[in-house]
């Protein structure tokens, strides 16, 4: 905007994002269509996060991309199944 000679405050940009982002998300969501037969699996491992050991549960698709993850201090089967 500055290249075109228009000075815009950062708060104005933030307000534009708050106003237009939900509309853009609503319009773009129409194009997202998950494929049929979408397969995934859950991976469990024990990792150190900020010096403390935690259980890391990851949902992974068939291409190896992480869909979601869950960190837990204790190994909780009920929480893992809910994830």
Protein backbone atom coordinates (compact mmCIF):
# COMPACT_ATOMS: atom_id res chain seq x y z
CA UNK A 1 0.00 0.00 0.00
CA UNK A 2 2.90 2.31 0.77
CA UNK A 3 4.27 1.77 -2.77
CA UNK A 4 1.02 3.20 -4.09
CA UNK A 5 1.19 6.21 -1.78
CA UNK A 6 -1.41 5.06 0.73
CA UNK A 7 -0.39 5.08 4.37
CA UNK A 8 -2.26 2.48 6.43
CA UNK A 9 -1.88 1.89 10.14
CA UNK A 10 -1.26 -1.68 11.37
CA UNK A 11 -4.48 -1.55 13.40
CA UNK A 12 -6.43 -0.87 10.20
CA UNK A 13 -4.93 -3.98 8.59
CA UNK A 14 -5.77 -5.99 11.70
CA UNK A 15 -9.40 -4.82 11.53
CA UNK A 16 -9.59 -5.72 7.83
CA UNK A 17 -8.33 -9.21 8.65
CA UNK A 18 -10.89 -9.61 11.43
CA UNK A 19 -13.66 -8.45 9.10
CA UNK A 20 -12.79 -10.29 5.88
CA UNK A 21 -11.11 -13.50 7.11
CA UNK A 22 -14.36 -15.29 8.08
CA UNK A 23 -15.88 -14.48 4.69
CA UNK A 24 -12.79 -15.72 2.84
CA UNK A 25 -12.74 -18.90 4.93
CA UNK A 26 -16.42 -19.52 4.18
CA UNK A 27 -15.92 -19.09 0.43
CA UNK A 28 -12.72 -21.17 0.26
CA UNK A 29 -14.15 -24.01 2.34
CA UNK A 30 -16.49 -24.82 -0.56
CA UNK A 31 -13.48 -25.84 -2.66
CA UNK A 32 -12.07 -28.18 -0.01
CA UNK A 33 -13.45 -31.65 -0.60
CA UNK A 34 -11.82 -34.54 1.22
CA UNK A 35 -11.25 -37.58 -0.95
CA UNK A 36 -13.27 -40.71 -0.44
CA UNK A 37 -11.42 -43.50 1.31
CA UNK A 38 -9.38 -41.07 3.39
CA UNK A 39 -7.16 -43.25 5.56
CA UNK A 40 -5.18 -42.26 8.62
CA UNK A 41 -3.49 -43.82 11.61
CA UNK A 42 -2.38 -42.77 15.10
CA UNK A 43 1.26 -42.80 16.10
CA UNK A 44 2.37 -42.71 19.76
CA UNK A 45 5.85 -41.78 20.94
CA UNK A 46 7.61 -40.46 24.05
CA UNK A 47 9.37 -37.09 23.54
CA UNK A 48 11.04 -34.44 25.67
CA UNK A 49 9.32 -31.03 25.55
CA UNK A 50 10.97 -28.12 27.38
CA UNK A 51 12.98 -30.56 29.47
CA UNK A 52 10.01 -32.76 30.50
CA UNK A 53 8.99 -36.09 29.01
CA UNK A 54 5.55 -36.26 27.39
CA UNK A 55 3.55 -38.68 25.29
CA UNK A 56 2.96 -37.44 21.76
CA UNK A 57 0.01 -38.84 19.85
CA UNK A 58 -0.13 -37.93 16.14
CA UNK A 59 -2.82 -38.57 13.56
CA UNK A 60 -1.07 -39.19 10.24
CA UNK A 61 -2.65 -39.50 6.79
CA UNK A 62 -1.56 -42.02 4.15
CA UNK A 63 0.98 -39.54 2.70
CA UNK A 64 2.72 -39.11 6.08
CA UNK A 65 1.34 -35.61 6.76
CA UNK A 66 0.35 -34.79 10.33
CA UNK A 67 -3.39 -34.13 10.64
CA UNK A 68 -3.48 -33.40 14.38
CA UNK A 69 -1.43 -34.06 17.50
CA UNK A 70 -1.99 -34.40 21.24
CA UNK A 71 0.58 -34.00 24.04
CA UNK A 72 0.01 -35.62 27.42
CA UNK A 73 2.15 -35.86 30.56
CA UNK A 74 0.69 -39.26 31.43
CA UNK A 75 -0.22 -42.22 29.26
CA UNK A 76 -4.00 -42.10 29.24
CA UNK A 77 -5.74 -44.62 26.99
CA UNK A 78 -9.14 -42.96 27.36
CA UNK A 79 -7.78 -39.55 26.30
CA UNK A 80 -5.87 -41.13 23.42
CA UNK A 81 -9.02 -42.85 22.14
CA UNK A 82 -10.96 -39.58 22.47
CA UNK A 83 -8.23 -37.88 20.42
